[in-house]
Amino acid sequence: MELRQLEYFVAVAEEQNFTRAAERVHISQSGVSAQIRRLEHELGAELFDRSARTATLTVAGKAALGPARAALAAAEALGQAVGEVTDLIRGRLTVGMVIGCTVTPLFDALAAFHRAHPGVEISLLEDNSDRLVEEVRTGTVDLALIGTATATPEGLDALTIISERLVVAVPDGHPLAKRQRVSLRDLTAHPIVCMPPGTGLRAVFDRACAAQGIHPAIALQAGSADAIAGLAARGLGVAVLSESMAADHRDRLTARTIDDIETPALLALVWRSTPDPALRELLVHSRKAFG
């Protein structure tokens, strides 16, 4: 019995598909199938019911899944333990990033970490902030850059990167561009273009509206600041953005701070407390990059 056979078995069990599992472990489907057949022969039982389109675990497969995961975790822990005393860190890290947020210091941190610890495999994925928080809580994601309305999501550690007020951004000829002060009620008299639910900026905006009993007309939603600014510049609504997001579009939009939304929109790194040496080192590089 080989660790790679256990890895392929767990991949098929989780993906419920031999093709997707093969893509995940970066070998051919025939290679995955052959190794699992060898594992089944050694164990004396079929692990998957192959009669349907999905690969479903048999009773024997369900019994084997937990010990297989434990064996793989033990092997990874062994490598990390040896790596720590030899100054060579190994393993895998999954980093999450909120959709539509290109923050170059995060890329700088990943690059510096990769140069220092090439034995760690890094995966990067995008999702909305709410889902990333849950994925960090469950351990699917190790570290995530999220937009949030609260400094530290419950049960997680956090490092605030940016804290900014919300602004309304409109073309120069718009009535709000002529005002020096803009309230939430002034803003909600117009169609609004903003981030979708599940993002930190939208959470701040929705909470402020709810606190005043305001029900805004959300005309359009987009996951990136560039898209929101582009829609507002074409007169399709007034954009709700953070200060730095709006500053990137000052050539075509005028920004005004929304006076009565005092809660800032935050950009933060979040993670679970863990003894994982790879994550500890990535956090060191992240703190340096965001300085």
C-alpha atoms as a PDB file:
ATOM      1  CA  MET A   1       0.000   0.000   0.000  1.00  0.00           C
ATOM      2  CA  GLU A   2       1.424   3.370  -1.054  1.00  0.00           C
ATOM      3  CA  LEU A   3       0.616   6.892   0.078  1.00  0.00           C
ATOM      4  CA  ARG A   4      -0.106   7.950  -3.495  1.00  0.00           C
ATOM      5  CA  GLN A   5      -2.798   5.263  -3.705  1.00  0.00           C
ATOM      6  CA  LEU A   6      -4.413   6.694  -0.584  1.00  0.00           C
ATOM      7  CA  GLU A   7      -4.148  10.199  -2.034  1.00  0.00           C
ATOM      8  CA  TYR A   8      -5.882   9.108  -5.248  1.00  0.00           C
ATOM      9  CA  PHE A   9      -8.544   7.237  -3.266  1.00  0.00           C
ATOM     10  CA  VAL A  10      -9.344  10.312  -1.154  1.00  0.00           C
ATOM     11  CA  ALA A  11      -9.403  12.534  -4.264  1.00  0.00           C
ATOM     12  CA  VAL A  12     -11.925  10.296  -6.048  1.00  0.00           C
ATOM     13  CA  ALA A  13     -14.020  10.007  -2.887  1.00  0.00           C
ATOM     14  CA  GLU A  14     -14.178  13.784  -2.484  1.00  0.00           C
ATOM     15  CA  GLU A  15     -14.664  14.617  -6.171  1.00  0.00           C
ATOM     16  CA  GLN A  16     -17.009  11.635  -6.794  1.00  0.00           C
ATOM     17  CA  ASN A  17     -15.512  11.495 -10.259  1.00  0.00           C
ATOM     18  CA  PHE A  18     -12.366   9.832 -11.617  1.00  0.00           C
ATOM     19  CA  THR A  19     -11.735  12.526 -14.246  1.00  0.00           C
ATOM     20  CA  ARG A  20     -11.897  15.430 -11.786  1.00  0.00           C
ATOM     21  CA  ALA A  21      -9.778  13.494  -9.294  1.00  0.00           C
ATOM     22  CA  ALA A  22      -7.132  12.908 -11.978  1.00  0.00           C
ATOM     23  CA  GLU A  23      -7.048  16.632 -12.753  1.00  0.00           C
ATOM     24  CA  ARG A  24      -6.682  17.380  -9.043  1.00  0.00           C
ATOM     25  CA  VAL A  25      -3.691  15.068  -8.535  1.00  0.00           C
ATOM     26  CA  HIS A  26      -2.192  15.942 -11.950  1.00  0.00           C
ATOM     27  CA  ILE A  27      -2.027  12.477 -13.527  1.00  0.00           C
ATOM     28  CA  SER A  28      -4.084  10.664 -16.159  1.00  0.00           C
ATOM     29  CA  GLN A  29      -7.471   9.146 -15.369  1.00  0.00           C
ATOM     30  CA  SER A  30      -6.160   5.737 -16.330  1.00  0.00           C
ATOM     31  CA  GLY A  31      -3.327   6.167 -13.842  1.00  0.00           C
ATOM     32  CA  VAL A  32      -5.748   6.966 -11.029  1.00  0.00           C
ATOM     33  CA  SER A  33      -7.976   4.028 -11.949  1.00  0.00           C
ATOM     34  CA  ALA A  34      -5.051   1.599 -12.098  1.00  0.00           C
ATOM     35  CA  GLN A  35      -3.692   2.637  -8.703  1.00  0.00           C
ATOM     36  CA  ILE A  36      -7.094   2.377  -7.031  1.00  0.00           C
ATOM     37  CA  ARG A  37      -7.606  -1.065  -8.584  1.00  0.00           C
ATOM     38  CA  ARG A  38      -4.288  -2.128  -7.035  1.00  0.00           C
ATOM     39  CA  LEU A  39      -5.365  -0.725  -3.682  1.00  0.00           C
ATOM     40  CA  GLU A  40      -8.678  -2.579  -3.896  1.00  0.00           C
ATOM     41  CA  HIS A  41      -6.861  -5.805  -4.785  1.00  0.00           C
ATOM     42  CA  GLU A  42      -4.580  -5.409  -1.773  1.00  0.00           C
ATOM     43  CA  LEU A  43      -7.495  -4.660   0.563  1.00  0.00           C
ATOM     44  CA  GLY A  44      -9.646  -7.417  -0.918  1.00  0.00           C
ATOM     45  CA  ALA A  45     -12.690  -5.188  -1.436  1.00  0.00           C
ATOM     46  CA  GLU A  46     -14.064  -2.720  -3.950  1.00  0.00           C
ATOM     47  CA  LEU A  47     -13.955   0.846  -2.660  1.00  0.00           C
ATOM     48  CA  PHE A  48     -16.217   2.454  -5.286  1.00  0.00           C
ATOM     49  CA  ASP A  49     -19.500   1.590  -6.946  1.00  0.00           C
ATOM     50  CA  ARG A  50     -18.736   2.338 -10.595  1.00  0.00           C
ATOM     51  CA  SER A  51     -22.183   1.467 -11.981  1.00  0.00           C
ATOM     52  CA  ALA A  52     -23.434   5.073 -11.954  1.00  0.00           C
ATOM     53  CA  ARG A  53     -22.004   8.247 -13.536  1.00  0.00           C
ATOM     54  CA  THR A  54     -20.587   9.305 -10.176  1.00  0.00           C
ATOM     55  CA  ALA A  55     -18.036   7.305  -8.226  1.00  0.00           C
ATOM     56  CA  THR A  56     -19.876   6.392  -5.030  1.00  0.00           C
ATOM     57  CA  LEU A  57     -18.168   4.864  -2.016  1.00  0.00           C
ATOM     58  CA  THR A  58     -19.101   1.309  -1.138  1.00  0.00           C
ATOM     59  CA  VAL A  59     -19.498   0.251   2.496  1.00  0.00           C
ATOM     60  CA  ALA A  60     -15.819  -0.757   2.460  1.00  0.00           C
ATOM     61  CA  GLY A  61     -14.897   2.566   0.861  1.00  0.00           C
ATOM     62  CA  LYS A  62     -16.715   4.542   3.549  1.00  0.00           C
ATOM     63  CA  ALA A  63     -14.891   2.544   6.215  1.00  0.00           C
ATOM     64  CA  ALA A  64     -11.540   3.217   4.540  1.00  0.00           C
ATOM     65  CA  LEU A  65     -11.950   6.954   3.966  1.00  0.00           C
ATOM     66  CA  GLY A  66     -11.276   8.131   7.534  1.00  0.00           C
ATOM     67  CA  PRO A  67      -8.119   6.042   8.052  1.00  0.00           C
ATOM     68  CA  ALA A  68      -6.847   7.068   4.599  1.00  0.00           C
ATOM     69  CA  ARG A  69      -7.218  10.752   5.440  1.00  0.00           C
ATOM     70  CA  ALA A  70      -5.547  10.181   8.800  1.00  0.00           C
ATOM     71  CA  ALA A  71      -2.629   8.383   7.146  1.00  0.00           C
ATOM     72  CA  LEU A  72      -2.103  11.236   4.679  1.00  0.00           C
ATOM     73  CA  ALA A  73      -2.293  13.821   7.475  1.00  0.00           C
ATOM     74  CA  ALA A  74       0.227  11.847   9.521  1.00  0.00           C
ATOM     75  CA  ALA A  75       2.610  11.654   6.564  1.00  0.00           C
ATOM     76  CA  GLU A  76       2.330  15.414   6.009  1.00  0.00           C
ATOM     77  CA  ALA A  77       2.899  16.073   9.728  1.00  0.00           C
ATOM     78  CA  LEU A  78       5.986  13.860   9.605  1.00  0.00           C
ATOM     79  CA  GLY A  79       7.419  15.867   6.728  1.00  0.00           C
ATOM     80  CA  GLN A  80       6.683  19.145   8.502  1.00  0.00           C
ATOM     81  CA  ALA A  81       8.254  17.938  11.756  1.00  0.00           C
ATOM     82  CA  VAL A  82      11.469  16.956  10.003  1.00  0.00           C
ATOM     83  CA  GLY A  83      11.359  20.085   7.887  1.00  0.00           C
ATOM     84  CA  GLU A  84      11.189  22.332  10.939  1.00  0.00           C
ATOM     85  CA  VAL A  85      14.402  20.929  12.418  1.00  0.00           C
ATOM     86  CA  THR A  86      16.153  21.058   9.041  1.00  0.00           C
ATOM     87  CA  ASP A  87      14.778  24.538   8.180  1.00  0.00           C
ATOM     88  CA  LEU A  88      12.900  23.101   5.198  1.00  0.00           C
ATOM     89  CA  ILE A  89       9.150  23.662   5.321  1.00  0.00           C
ATOM     90  CA  ARG A  90       6.924  21.477   3.167  1.00  0.00           C
ATOM     91  CA  GLY A  91       3.201  21.099   2.691  1.00  0.00           C
ATOM     92  CA  ARG A  92       0.324  22.887   1.005  1.00  0.00           C
ATOM     93  CA  LEU A  93      -1.358  26.229   1.568  1.00  0.00           C
ATOM     94  CA  THR A  94      -4.600  27.455   0.047  1.00  0.00           C
ATOM     95  CA  VAL A  95      -4.920  31.241  -0.052  1.00  0.00           C
ATOM     96  CA  GLY A  96      -8.237  32.951  -0.735  1.00  0.00           C
ATOM     97  CA  MET A  97      -8.781  36.401  -2.215  1.00  0.00           C
ATOM     98  CA  VAL A  98     -12.024  38.326  -2.465  1.00  0.00           C
ATOM     99  CA  ILE A  99     -13.293  38.576  -6.055  1.00  0.00           C
ATOM    100  CA  GLY A 100     -12.387  41.761  -7.892  1.00  0.00           C
ATOM    101  CA  CYS A 101      -9.725  42.845  -5.404  1.00  0.00           C
ATOM    102  CA  THR A 102      -6.222  43.075  -6.881  1.00  0.00           C
ATOM    103  CA  VAL A 103      -3.932  43.890  -3.973  1.00  0.00           C
ATOM    104  CA  THR A 104      -0.326  43.588  -5.114  1.00  0.00           C
ATOM    105  CA  PRO A 105       1.241  43.303  -1.619  1.00  0.00           C
ATOM    106  CA  LEU A 106      -0.489  39.928  -1.298  1.00  0.00           C
ATOM    107  CA  PHE A 107       1.201  38.795  -4.497  1.00  0.00           C
ATOM    108  CA  ASP A 108       4.504  40.156  -3.184  1.00  0.00           C
ATOM    109  CA  ALA A 109       4.055  38.141   0.019  1.00  0.00           C
ATOM    110  CA  LEU A 110       3.291  34.959  -1.928  1.00  0.00           C
ATOM    111  CA  ALA A 111       6.320  35.464  -4.170  1.00  0.00           C
ATOM    112  CA  ALA A 112       8.674  36.086  -1.237  1.00  0.00           C
ATOM    113  CA  PHE A 113       7.294  33.086   0.618  1.00  0.00           C
ATOM    114  CA  HIS A 114       7.692  30.860  -2.459  1.00  0.00           C
ATOM    115  CA  ARG A 115      11.321  31.909  -2.870  1.00  0.00           C
ATOM    116  CA  ALA A 116      12.020  31.156   0.791  1.00  0.00           C
ATOM    117  CA  HIS A 117      10.033  27.905   0.948  1.00  0.00           C
ATOM    118  CA  PRO A 118       9.800  26.279  -2.495  1.00  0.00           C
ATOM    119  CA  GLY A 119       8.747  22.999  -0.891  1.00  0.00           C
ATOM    120  CA  VAL A 120       5.296  24.408  -0.063  1.00  0.00           C
ATOM    121  CA  GLU A 121       2.635  24.125  -2.765  1.00  0.00           C
ATOM    122  CA  ILE A 122       0.484  27.274  -2.952  1.00  0.00           C
ATOM    123  CA  SER A 123      -3.052  27.438  -4.369  1.00  0.00           C
ATOM    124  CA  LEU A 124      -4.877  30.737  -4.906  1.00  0.00           C
ATOM    125  CA  LEU A 125      -8.638  31.013  -5.306  1.00  0.00           C
ATOM    126  CA  GLU A 126     -11.207  33.806  -5.527  1.00  0.00           C
ATOM    127  CA  ASP A 127     -14.601  33.896  -3.839  1.00  0.00           C
ATOM    128  CA  ASN A 128     -16.851  36.375  -2.069  1.00  0.00           C
ATOM    129  CA  SER A 129     -15.879  37.390   1.444  1.00  0.00           C
ATOM    130  CA  ASP A 130     -18.631  35.549   3.310  1.00  0.00           C
ATOM    131  CA  ARG A 131     -17.754  32.232   1.691  1.00  0.00           C
ATOM    132  CA  LEU A 132     -14.024  32.779   2.232  1.00  0.00           C
ATOM    133  CA  VAL A 133     -14.611  33.320   5.953  1.00  0.00           C
ATOM    134  CA  GLU A 134     -16.508  30.032   6.181  1.00  0.00           C
ATOM    135  CA  GLU A 135     -13.821  28.239   4.166  1.00  0.00           C
ATOM    136  CA  VAL A 136     -11.159  29.519   6.583  1.00  0.00           C
ATOM    137  CA  ARG A 137     -13.260  28.341   9.534  1.00  0.00           C
ATOM    138  CA  THR A 138     -13.603  24.858   8.056  1.00  0.00           C
ATOM    139  CA  GLY A 139      -9.934  24.654   7.081  1.00  0.00           C
ATOM    140  CA  THR A 140     -10.568  24.531   3.321  1.00  0.00           C
ATOM    141  CA  VAL A 141      -8.660  27.828   3.019  1.00  0.00           C
ATOM    142  CA  ASP A 142      -5.633  28.599   5.204  1.00  0.00           C
ATOM    143  CA  LEU A 143      -5.417  32.373   4.767  1.00  0.00           C
ATOM    144  CA  ALA A 144      -7.834  34.765   3.060  1.00  0.00           C
ATOM    145  CA  LEU A 145      -7.880  38.408   2.057  1.00  0.00           C
ATOM    146  CA  ILE A 146     -11.461  39.562   2.583  1.00  0.00           C
ATOM    147  CA  GLY A 147     -13.620  42.643   2.692  1.00  0.00           C
ATOM    148  CA  THR A 148     -15.451  42.880   5.998  1.00  0.00           C
ATOM    149  CA  ALA A 149     -17.534  45.130   8.207  1.00  0.00           C
ATOM    150  CA  THR A 150     -16.034  43.728  11.414  1.00  0.00           C
ATOM    151  CA  ALA A 151     -12.387  43.898  12.420  1.00  0.00           C
ATOM    152  CA  THR A 152     -12.141  40.237  13.428  1.00  0.00           C
ATOM    153  CA  PRO A 153     -14.685  37.663  12.219  1.00  0.00           C
ATOM    154  CA  GLU A 154     -15.795  35.387  15.040  1.00  0.00           C
ATOM    155  CA  GLY A 155     -13.450  32.488  15.738  1.00  0.00           C
ATOM    156  CA  LEU A 156     -10.628  33.769  13.526  1.00  0.00           C
ATOM    157  CA  ASP A 157      -7.480  35.838  13.829  1.00  0.00           C
ATOM    158  CA  ALA A 158      -7.224  38.903  11.603  1.00  0.00           C
ATOM    159  CA  LEU A 159      -4.891  41.613  10.391  1.00  0.00           C
ATOM    160  CA  THR A 160      -6.589  44.771   9.089  1.00  0.00           C
ATOM    161  CA  ILE A 161      -4.940  45.981   5.884  1.00  0.00           C
ATOM    162  CA  ILE A 162      -7.176  48.904   4.887  1.00  0.00           C
ATOM    163  CA  SER A 163      -9.888  50.813   6.759  1.00  0.00           C
ATOM    164  CA  GLU A 164     -11.819  53.324   4.653  1.00  0.00           C
ATOM    165  CA  ARG A 165     -15.055  55.285   4.611  1.00  0.00           C
ATOM    166  CA  LEU A 166     -17.690  54.656   1.969  1.00  0.00           C
ATOM    167  CA  VAL A 167     -18.168  57.253  -0.754  1.00  0.00           C
ATOM    168  CA  VAL A 168     -20.632  57.909  -3.546  1.00  0.00           C
ATOM    169  CA  ALA A 169     -18.999  58.406  -6.951  1.00  0.00           C
ATOM    170  CA  VAL A 170     -20.831  60.141  -9.807  1.00  0.00           C
ATOM    171  CA  PRO A 171     -20.037  61.847 -13.142  1.00  0.00           C
ATOM    172  CA  ASP A 172     -19.258  65.557 -12.957  1.00  0.00           C
ATOM    173  CA  GLY A 173     -22.665  66.645 -14.238  1.00  0.00           C
ATOM    174  CA  HIS A 174     -24.617  64.642 -11.659  1.00  0.00           C
ATOM    175  CA  PRO A 175     -26.584  66.616  -8.985  1.00  0.00           C
ATOM    176  CA  LEU A 176     -24.656  64.918  -6.160  1.00  0.00           C
ATOM    177  CA  ALA A 177     -21.354  66.086  -7.641  1.00  0.00           C
ATOM    178  CA  LYS A 178     -22.365  69.677  -6.897  1.00  0.00           C
ATOM    179  CA  ARG A 179     -22.923  68.990  -3.196  1.00  0.00           C
ATOM    180  CA  GLN A 180     -20.157  69.195  -0.624  1.00  0.00           C
ATOM    181  CA  ARG A 181     -21.989  66.951   1.844  1.00  0.00           C
ATOM    182  CA  VAL A 182     -23.954  63.820   0.973  1.00  0.00           C
ATOM    183  CA  SER A 183     -26.120  61.800   3.336  1.00  0.00           C
ATOM    184  CA  LEU A 184     -27.352  58.257   2.921  1.00  0.00           C
ATOM    185  CA  ARG A 185     -30.867  59.517   2.146  1.00  0.00           C
ATOM    186  CA  ASP A 186     -29.461  61.855  -0.525  1.00  0.00           C
ATOM    187  CA  LEU A 187     -27.746  58.906  -2.115  1.00  0.00           C
ATOM    188  CA  THR A 188     -30.710  56.533  -2.002  1.00  0.00           C
ATOM    189  CA  ALA A 189     -32.872  58.965  -3.942  1.00  0.00           C
ATOM    190  CA  HIS A 190     -30.992  57.669  -7.007  1.00  0.00           C
ATOM    191  CA  PRO A 191     -30.462  54.225  -8.546  1.00  0.00           C
ATOM    192  CA  ILE A 192     -27.416  52.610  -6.963  1.00  0.00           C
ATOM    193  CA  VAL A 193     -24.585  50.551  -8.408  1.00  0.00           C
ATOM    194  CA  CYS A 194     -22.675  48.575  -5.785  1.00  0.00           C
ATOM    195  CA  MET A 195     -20.984  45.351  -4.771  1.00  0.00           C
ATOM    196  CA  PRO A 196     -23.146  42.217  -4.365  1.00  0.00           C
ATOM    197  CA  PRO A 197     -24.192  40.690  -1.022  1.00  0.00           C
ATOM    198  CA  GLY A 198     -21.421  38.663   0.592  1.00  0.00           C
ATOM    199  CA  THR A 199     -18.846  41.432   0.200  1.00  0.00           C
ATOM    200  CA  GLY A 200     -17.551  43.594   3.031  1.00  0.00           C
ATOM    201  CA  LEU A 201     -18.418  46.892   1.377  1.00  0.00           C
ATOM    202  CA  ARG A 202     -21.997  45.774   0.755  1.00  0.00           C
ATOM    203  CA  ALA A 203     -22.307  44.599   4.371  1.00  0.00           C
ATOM    204  CA  VAL A 204     -21.337  48.072   5.627  1.00  0.00           C
ATOM    205  CA  PHE A 205     -23.785  49.742   3.235  1.00  0.00           C
ATOM    206  CA  ASP A 206     -26.679  47.386   4.029  1.00  0.00           C
ATOM    207  CA  ARG A 207     -26.202  47.743   7.785  1.00  0.00           C
ATOM    208  CA  ALA A 208     -26.183  51.543   7.525  1.00  0.00           C
ATOM    209  CA  CYS A 209     -29.398  51.484   5.479  1.00  0.00           C
ATOM    210  CA  ALA A 210     -31.083  49.089   7.905  1.00  0.00           C
ATOM    211  CA  ALA A 211     -30.127  51.272  10.880  1.00  0.00           C
ATOM    212  CA  GLN A 212     -31.985  54.211   9.309  1.00  0.00           C
ATOM    213  CA  GLY A 213     -34.880  52.182   7.927  1.00  0.00           C
ATOM    214  CA  ILE A 214     -33.879  52.994   4.351  1.00  0.00           C
ATOM    215  CA  HIS A 215     -34.645  50.628   1.464  1.00  0.00           C
ATOM    216  CA  PRO A 216     -32.347  51.647  -1.395  1.00  0.00           C
ATOM    217  CA  ALA A 217     -32.991  50.857  -5.062  1.00  0.00           C
ATOM    218  CA  ILE A 218     -30.072  48.674  -6.125  1.00  0.00           C
ATOM    219  CA  ALA A 219     -30.056  49.119  -9.892  1.00  0.00           C
ATOM    220  CA  LEU A 220     -26.949  47.093 -10.744  1.00  0.00           C
ATOM    221  CA  GLN A 221     -24.386  44.955  -8.948  1.00  0.00           C
ATOM    222  CA  ALA A 222     -20.843  44.081  -9.952  1.00  0.00           C
ATOM    223  CA  GLY A 223     -17.964  42.295  -8.277  1.00  0.00           C
ATOM    224  CA  SER A 224     -15.196  44.709  -9.223  1.00  0.00           C
ATOM    225  CA  ALA A 225     -14.657  48.403  -8.537  1.00  0.00           C
ATOM    226  CA  ASP A 226     -13.731  49.001 -12.191  1.00  0.00           C
ATOM    227  CA  ALA A 227     -17.079  47.611 -13.349  1.00  0.00           C
ATOM    228  CA  ILE A 228     -19.034  49.658 -10.811  1.00  0.00           C
ATOM    229  CA  ALA A 229     -17.171  52.828 -11.803  1.00  0.00           C
ATOM    230  CA  GLY A 230     -17.731  52.118 -15.489  1.00  0.00           C
ATOM    231  CA  LEU A 231     -21.463  51.700 -15.005  1.00  0.00           C
ATOM    232  CA  ALA A 232     -21.719  54.888 -12.925  1.00  0.00           C
ATOM    233  CA  ALA A 233     -19.679  56.863 -15.465  1.00  0.00           C
ATOM    234  CA  ARG A 234     -22.256  55.903 -18.105  1.00  0.00           C
ATOM    235  CA  GLY A 235     -25.121  57.259 -16.021  1.00  0.00           C
ATOM    236  CA  LEU A 236     -26.618  53.921 -15.002  1.00  0.00           C
ATOM    237  CA  GLY A 237     -26.563  54.734 -11.292  1.00  0.00           C
ATOM    238  CA  VAL A 238     -24.510  56.267  -8.508  1.00  0.00           C
ATOM    239  CA  ALA A 239     -21.573  54.142  -7.402  1.00  0.00           C
ATOM    240  CA  VAL A 240     -20.967  53.116  -3.792  1.00  0.00           C
ATOM    241  CA  LEU A 241     -17.254  52.475  -3.336  1.00  0.00           C
ATOM    242  CA  SER A 242     -14.494  52.835  -0.776  1.00  0.00           C
ATOM    243  CA  GLU A 243     -12.234  55.900  -0.825  1.00  0.00           C
ATOM    244  CA  SER A 244      -9.300  54.213  -2.575  1.00  0.00           C
ATOM    245  CA  MET A 245     -11.552  52.471  -5.102  1.00  0.00           C
ATOM    246  CA  ALA A 246     -13.076  55.812  -6.108  1.00  0.00           C
ATOM    247  CA  ALA A 247      -9.665  57.521  -6.193  1.00  0.00           C
ATOM    248  CA  ASP A 248      -8.615  55.207  -9.024  1.00  0.00           C
ATOM    249  CA  HIS A 249     -11.391  56.735 -11.155  1.00  0.00           C
ATOM    250  CA  ARG A 250     -11.083  60.416 -10.267  1.00  0.00           C
ATOM    251  CA  ASP A 251     -10.560  61.249 -13.950  1.00  0.00           C
ATOM    252  CA  ARG A 252     -14.196  60.474 -14.701  1.00  0.00           C
ATOM    253  CA  LEU A 253     -16.028  60.393 -11.362  1.00  0.00           C
ATOM    254  CA  THR A 254     -16.425  62.831  -8.479  1.00  0.00           C
ATOM    255  CA  ALA A 255     -16.416  61.211  -5.039  1.00  0.00           C
ATOM    256  CA  ARG A 256     -18.178  62.459  -1.926  1.00  0.00           C
ATOM    257  CA  THR A 257     -17.909  60.823   1.497  1.00  0.00           C
ATOM    258  CA  ILE A 258     -21.279  59.553   2.748  1.00  0.00           C
ATOM    259  CA  ASP A 259     -21.430  61.566   5.973  1.00  0.00           C
ATOM    260  CA  ASP A 260     -23.670  59.343   8.036  1.00  0.00           C
ATOM    261  CA  ILE A 261     -21.969  56.022   7.262  1.00  0.00           C
ATOM    262  CA  GLU A 262     -19.214  56.167   9.835  1.00  0.00           C
ATOM    263  CA  THR A 263     -18.454  52.440   9.976  1.00  0.00           C
ATOM    264  CA  PRO A 264     -15.495  51.830   7.666  1.00  0.00           C
ATOM    265  CA  ALA A 265     -15.158  49.110   5.067  1.00  0.00           C
ATOM    266  CA  LEU A 266     -12.223  46.935   6.012  1.00  0.00           C
ATOM    267  CA  LEU A 267      -9.839  44.816   3.979  1.00  0.00           C
ATOM    268  CA  ALA A 268      -8.276  42.167   6.199  1.00  0.00           C
ATOM    269  CA  LEU A 269      -6.277  38.969   6.224  1.00  0.00           C
ATOM    270  CA  VAL A 270      -7.995  36.232   8.256  1.00  0.00           C
ATOM    271  CA  TRP A 271      -6.817  32.818   9.406  1.00  0.00           C
ATOM    272  CA  ARG A 272      -7.372  30.174  12.063  1.00  0.00           C
ATOM    273  CA  SER A 273      -4.923  29.759  14.921  1.00  0.00           C
ATOM    274  CA  THR A 274      -2.791  26.769  13.949  1.00  0.00           C
ATOM    275  CA  PRO A 275       0.650  25.314  14.602  1.00  0.00           C
ATOM    276  CA  ASP A 276       1.221  24.915  10.838  1.00  0.00           C
ATOM    277  CA  PRO A 277       4.773  26.251  10.239  1.00  0.00           C
ATOM    278  CA  ALA A 278       4.019  27.067   6.587  1.00  0.00           C
ATOM    279  CA  LEU A 279       1.112  29.340   7.535  1.00  0.00           C
ATOM    280  CA  ARG A 280       3.188  30.996  10.266  1.00  0.00           C
ATOM    281  CA  GLU A 281       5.893  31.811   7.733  1.00  0.00           C
ATOM    282  CA  LEU A 282       3.385  33.119   5.171  1.00  0.00           C
ATOM    283  CA  LEU A 283       1.973  35.422   7.836  1.00  0.00           C
ATOM    284  CA  VAL A 284       5.483  36.777   8.495  1.00  0.00           C
ATOM    285  CA  HIS A 285       5.898  37.587   4.795  1.00  0.00           C
ATOM    286  CA  SER A 286       2.380  39.041   4.620  1.00  0.00           C
ATOM    287  CA  ARG A 287       3.011  41.425   7.497  1.00  0.00           C
ATOM    288  CA  LYS A 288       6.221  42.590   5.816  1.00  0.00           C
ATOM    289  CA  ALA A 289       4.519  43.082   2.462  1.00  0.00           C
ATOM    290  CA  PHE A 290       1.618  45.081   3.877  1.00  0.00           C
ATOM    291  CA  GLY A 291       4.008  46.908   6.205  1.00  0.00           C
END
